[in-house]
């Protein structure tokens, strides 16, 4: 079973890490930071940051929760469910679609949106758990 966040285990882990880092010499700490910096893929970090930013709005989180349960919805169906204007709904959908969070399929004269990668729901569940629901 998927456990979104291990908040009950985070406390002791960070206490132990704090003790560990206190024992390191300044040079060792510097070497760790330099190795971490060199191993980080900046493009991947930027892409991840943009994707997270694209879902960081209450209306967008509601859209994702609705699509997570329903599978797919049209813009007008989402607009009615959210209770906001169609142009605002479209702007939220476009921002998430641009980052690959959502996919769109046109059927006749309607565009139906669905979640592009279901892993985003795990991220939301984790954040809800970490934020105390």
C-alpha atoms as a PDB file:
ATOM      1  CA  UNK A   1       0.000   0.000   0.000  1.00  0.00           C
ATOM      2  CA  UNK A   2       1.211   3.502  -0.824  1.00  0.00           C
ATOM      3  CA  UNK A   3       2.063   5.670   2.183  1.00  0.00           C
ATOM      4  CA  UNK A   4       2.177   9.302   1.003  1.00  0.00           C
ATOM      5  CA  UNK A   5       4.373  10.724   3.764  1.00  0.00           C
ATOM      6  CA  UNK A   6       6.118   9.196   6.709  1.00  0.00           C
ATOM      7  CA  UNK A   7       5.626  12.162   8.988  1.00  0.00           C
ATOM      8  CA  UNK A   8       5.770  10.055  12.154  1.00  0.00           C
ATOM      9  CA  UNK A   9       9.227   8.834  11.141  1.00  0.00           C
ATOM     10  CA  UNK A  10      10.503  12.204   9.923  1.00  0.00           C
ATOM     11  CA  UNK A  11      11.171  13.597  13.407  1.00  0.00           C
ATOM     12  CA  UNK A  12      13.693  11.000  14.630  1.00  0.00           C
ATOM     13  CA  UNK A  13      15.340  10.916  11.195  1.00  0.00           C
ATOM     14  CA  UNK A  14      16.018  14.654  11.250  1.00  0.00           C
ATOM     15  CA  UNK A  15      17.240  14.549  14.852  1.00  0.00           C
ATOM     16  CA  UNK A  16      19.732  11.843  13.927  1.00  0.00           C
ATOM     17  CA  UNK A  17      20.793  13.764  10.828  1.00  0.00           C
ATOM     18  CA  UNK A  18      21.256  16.904  12.903  1.00  0.00           C
ATOM     19  CA  UNK A  19      23.576  15.050  15.290  1.00  0.00           C
ATOM     20  CA  UNK A  20      25.395  13.577  12.327  1.00  0.00           C
ATOM     21  CA  UNK A  21      26.004  16.953  10.690  1.00  0.00           C
ATOM     22  CA  UNK A  22      27.172  18.446  13.982  1.00  0.00           C
ATOM     23  CA  UNK A  23      29.892  15.796  14.059  1.00  0.00           C
ATOM     24  CA  UNK A  24      31.149  16.593  10.578  1.00  0.00           C
ATOM     25  CA  UNK A  25      34.044  18.922  10.067  1.00  0.00           C
ATOM     26  CA  UNK A  26      33.455  22.015   7.988  1.00  0.00           C
ATOM     27  CA  UNK A  27      35.477  20.511   5.156  1.00  0.00           C
ATOM     28  CA  UNK A  28      33.411  17.313   5.100  1.00  0.00           C
ATOM     29  CA  UNK A  29      30.199  19.345   5.044  1.00  0.00           C
ATOM     30  CA  UNK A  30      31.538  21.484   2.198  1.00  0.00           C
ATOM     31  CA  UNK A  31      32.454  18.358   0.197  1.00  0.00           C
ATOM     32  CA  UNK A  32      28.970  16.920   0.694  1.00  0.00           C
ATOM     33  CA  UNK A  33      27.380  20.146  -0.537  1.00  0.00           C
ATOM     34  CA  UNK A  34      29.650  20.302  -3.573  1.00  0.00           C
ATOM     35  CA  UNK A  35      28.906  16.682  -4.486  1.00  0.00           C
ATOM     36  CA  UNK A  36      25.177  17.308  -4.137  1.00  0.00           C
ATOM     37  CA  UNK A  37      25.405  20.429  -6.283  1.00  0.00           C
ATOM     38  CA  UNK A  38      27.304  18.587  -9.021  1.00  0.00           C
ATOM     39  CA  UNK A  39      24.865  15.664  -9.057  1.00  0.00           C
ATOM     40  CA  UNK A  40      21.722  17.789  -9.444  1.00  0.00           C
ATOM     41  CA  UNK A  41      20.259  18.073 -12.937  1.00  0.00           C
ATOM     42  CA  UNK A  42      19.248  21.735 -13.152  1.00  0.00           C
ATOM     43  CA  UNK A  43      16.926  21.206 -16.123  1.00  0.00           C
ATOM     44  CA  UNK A  44      15.068  18.471 -14.269  1.00  0.00           C
ATOM     45  CA  UNK A  45      14.760  20.732 -11.215  1.00  0.00           C
ATOM     46  CA  UNK A  46      13.379  23.570 -13.340  1.00  0.00           C
ATOM     47  CA  UNK A  47      10.865  21.255 -15.016  1.00  0.00           C
ATOM     48  CA  UNK A  48       9.766  19.863 -11.648  1.00  0.00           C
ATOM     49  CA  UNK A  49       9.467  23.356 -10.208  1.00  0.00           C
ATOM     50  CA  UNK A  50       7.268  24.509 -13.099  1.00  0.00           C
ATOM     51  CA  UNK A  51       5.019  21.449 -12.767  1.00  0.00           C
ATOM     52  CA  UNK A  52       4.608  21.977  -9.016  1.00  0.00           C
ATOM     53  CA  UNK A  53       3.931  25.676  -9.551  1.00  0.00           C
ATOM     54  CA  UNK A  54       1.245  24.797 -12.107  1.00  0.00           C
ATOM     55  CA  UNK A  55      -0.787  22.892  -9.479  1.00  0.00           C
ATOM     56  CA  UNK A  56      -0.202  25.333  -6.609  1.00  0.00           C
ATOM     57  CA  UNK A  57      -3.620  26.959  -6.564  1.00  0.00           C
ATOM     58  CA  UNK A  58      -6.781  25.860  -4.732  1.00  0.00           C
ATOM     59  CA  UNK A  59      -8.886  25.803  -7.917  1.00  0.00           C
ATOM     60  CA  UNK A  60      -6.257  23.719  -9.706  1.00  0.00           C
ATOM     61  CA  UNK A  61      -6.091  21.280  -6.827  1.00  0.00           C
ATOM     62  CA  UNK A  62      -9.896  20.980  -6.965  1.00  0.00           C
ATOM     63  CA  UNK A  63      -9.698  20.303 -10.706  1.00  0.00           C
ATOM     64  CA  UNK A  64      -7.158  17.549 -10.096  1.00  0.00           C
ATOM     65  CA  UNK A  65      -9.264  16.010  -7.340  1.00  0.00           C
ATOM     66  CA  UNK A  66     -12.360  16.050  -9.578  1.00  0.00           C
ATOM     67  CA  UNK A  67     -10.467  14.519 -12.501  1.00  0.00           C
ATOM     68  CA  UNK A  68      -8.843  11.988 -10.175  1.00  0.00           C
ATOM     69  CA  UNK A  69     -12.298  10.719  -9.229  1.00  0.00           C
ATOM     70  CA  UNK A  70     -14.190  11.204 -12.484  1.00  0.00           C
ATOM     71  CA  UNK A  71     -11.500  10.441 -15.049  1.00  0.00           C
ATOM     72  CA  UNK A  72     -12.364  13.150 -17.560  1.00  0.00           C
ATOM     73  CA  UNK A  73     -14.489  16.275 -17.671  1.00  0.00           C
ATOM     74  CA  UNK A  74     -15.208  18.942 -20.257  1.00  0.00           C
ATOM     75  CA  UNK A  75     -14.346  22.575 -19.609  1.00  0.00           C
ATOM     76  CA  UNK A  76     -18.014  23.470 -19.061  1.00  0.00           C
ATOM     77  CA  UNK A  77     -18.517  20.567 -16.635  1.00  0.00           C
ATOM     78  CA  UNK A  78     -15.453  21.641 -14.649  1.00  0.00           C
ATOM     79  CA  UNK A  79     -16.590  25.259 -14.720  1.00  0.00           C
ATOM     80  CA  UNK A  80     -19.964  24.304 -13.222  1.00  0.00           C
ATOM     81  CA  UNK A  81     -18.324  22.059 -10.604  1.00  0.00           C
ATOM     82  CA  UNK A  82     -15.888  24.812  -9.555  1.00  0.00           C
ATOM     83  CA  UNK A  83     -18.359  27.676  -9.663  1.00  0.00           C
ATOM     84  CA  UNK A  84     -15.924  30.020 -11.435  1.00  0.00           C
ATOM     85  CA  UNK A  85     -16.029  31.630 -14.885  1.00  0.00           C
ATOM     86  CA  UNK A  86     -15.304  29.570 -17.962  1.00  0.00           C
ATOM     87  CA  UNK A  87     -12.365  31.812 -18.903  1.00  0.00           C
ATOM     88  CA  UNK A  88     -10.795  31.333 -15.446  1.00  0.00           C
ATOM     89  CA  UNK A  89     -11.364  27.570 -15.679  1.00  0.00           C
ATOM     90  CA  UNK A  90      -9.735  27.521 -19.116  1.00  0.00           C
ATOM     91  CA  UNK A  91      -6.724  29.476 -17.823  1.00  0.00           C
ATOM     92  CA  UNK A  92      -6.197  26.996 -14.980  1.00  0.00           C
ATOM     93  CA  UNK A  93      -6.526  24.048 -17.367  1.00  0.00           C
ATOM     94  CA  UNK A  94      -4.124  25.593 -19.880  1.00  0.00           C
ATOM     95  CA  UNK A  95      -1.469  26.199 -17.215  1.00  0.00           C
ATOM     96  CA  UNK A  96      -1.581  22.577 -16.065  1.00  0.00           C
ATOM     97  CA  UNK A  97      -1.748  21.240 -19.610  1.00  0.00           C
ATOM     98  CA  UNK A  98       1.343  23.264 -20.596  1.00  0.00           C
ATOM     99  CA  UNK A  99       3.341  21.461 -17.892  1.00  0.00           C
ATOM    100  CA  UNK A 100       2.046  18.003 -18.830  1.00  0.00           C
ATOM    101  CA  UNK A 101      -0.061  17.642 -15.697  1.00  0.00           C
ATOM    102  CA  UNK A 102      -3.236  17.376 -17.785  1.00  0.00           C
ATOM    103  CA  UNK A 103      -4.040  15.977 -21.204  1.00  0.00           C
ATOM    104  CA  UNK A 104      -6.850  17.109 -23.475  1.00  0.00           C
ATOM    105  CA  UNK A 105      -8.894  15.317 -26.102  1.00  0.00           C
ATOM    106  CA  UNK A 106     -11.330  17.032 -28.441  1.00  0.00           C
ATOM    107  CA  UNK A 107     -14.597  15.210 -29.096  1.00  0.00           C
ATOM    108  CA  UNK A 108     -16.808  17.037 -31.583  1.00  0.00           C
ATOM    109  CA  UNK A 109     -17.008  20.598 -30.217  1.00  0.00           C
ATOM    110  CA  UNK A 110     -15.954  19.804 -26.619  1.00  0.00           C
ATOM    111  CA  UNK A 111     -12.511  19.447 -25.079  1.00  0.00           C
ATOM    112  CA  UNK A 112     -12.239  16.825 -22.350  1.00  0.00           C
ATOM    113  CA  UNK A 113      -9.442  17.023 -19.804  1.00  0.00           C
ATOM    114  CA  UNK A 114      -7.889  14.197 -17.821  1.00  0.00           C
ATOM    115  CA  UNK A 115      -4.847  13.772 -15.621  1.00  0.00           C
ATOM    116  CA  UNK A 116      -1.735  13.162 -17.702  1.00  0.00           C
ATOM    117  CA  UNK A 117       0.164  11.341 -14.973  1.00  0.00           C
ATOM    118  CA  UNK A 118      -1.669   9.795 -12.013  1.00  0.00           C
ATOM    119  CA  UNK A 119       1.448  10.244  -9.853  1.00  0.00           C
ATOM    120  CA  UNK A 120       0.340  13.849  -9.336  1.00  0.00           C
ATOM    121  CA  UNK A 121      -2.475  12.509  -7.136  1.00  0.00           C
ATOM    122  CA  UNK A 122       0.133  10.898  -4.880  1.00  0.00           C
ATOM    123  CA  UNK A 123       1.910  14.244  -4.576  1.00  0.00           C
ATOM    124  CA  UNK A 124      -1.360  15.907  -3.567  1.00  0.00           C
ATOM    125  CA  UNK A 125      -2.092  13.142  -1.035  1.00  0.00           C
ATOM    126  CA  UNK A 126       1.393  13.543   0.399  1.00  0.00           C
ATOM    127  CA  UNK A 127       1.061  17.298   0.723  1.00  0.00           C
ATOM    128  CA  UNK A 128      -2.378  16.977   2.356  1.00  0.00           C
ATOM    129  CA  UNK A 129      -0.903  14.516   4.842  1.00  0.00           C
ATOM    130  CA  UNK A 130       2.151  16.683   5.528  1.00  0.00           C
ATOM    131  CA  UNK A 131       0.009  19.823   5.919  1.00  0.00           C
ATOM    132  CA  UNK A 132      -2.237  18.106   8.432  1.00  0.00           C
ATOM    133  CA  UNK A 133      -5.164  17.757   6.036  1.00  0.00           C
END
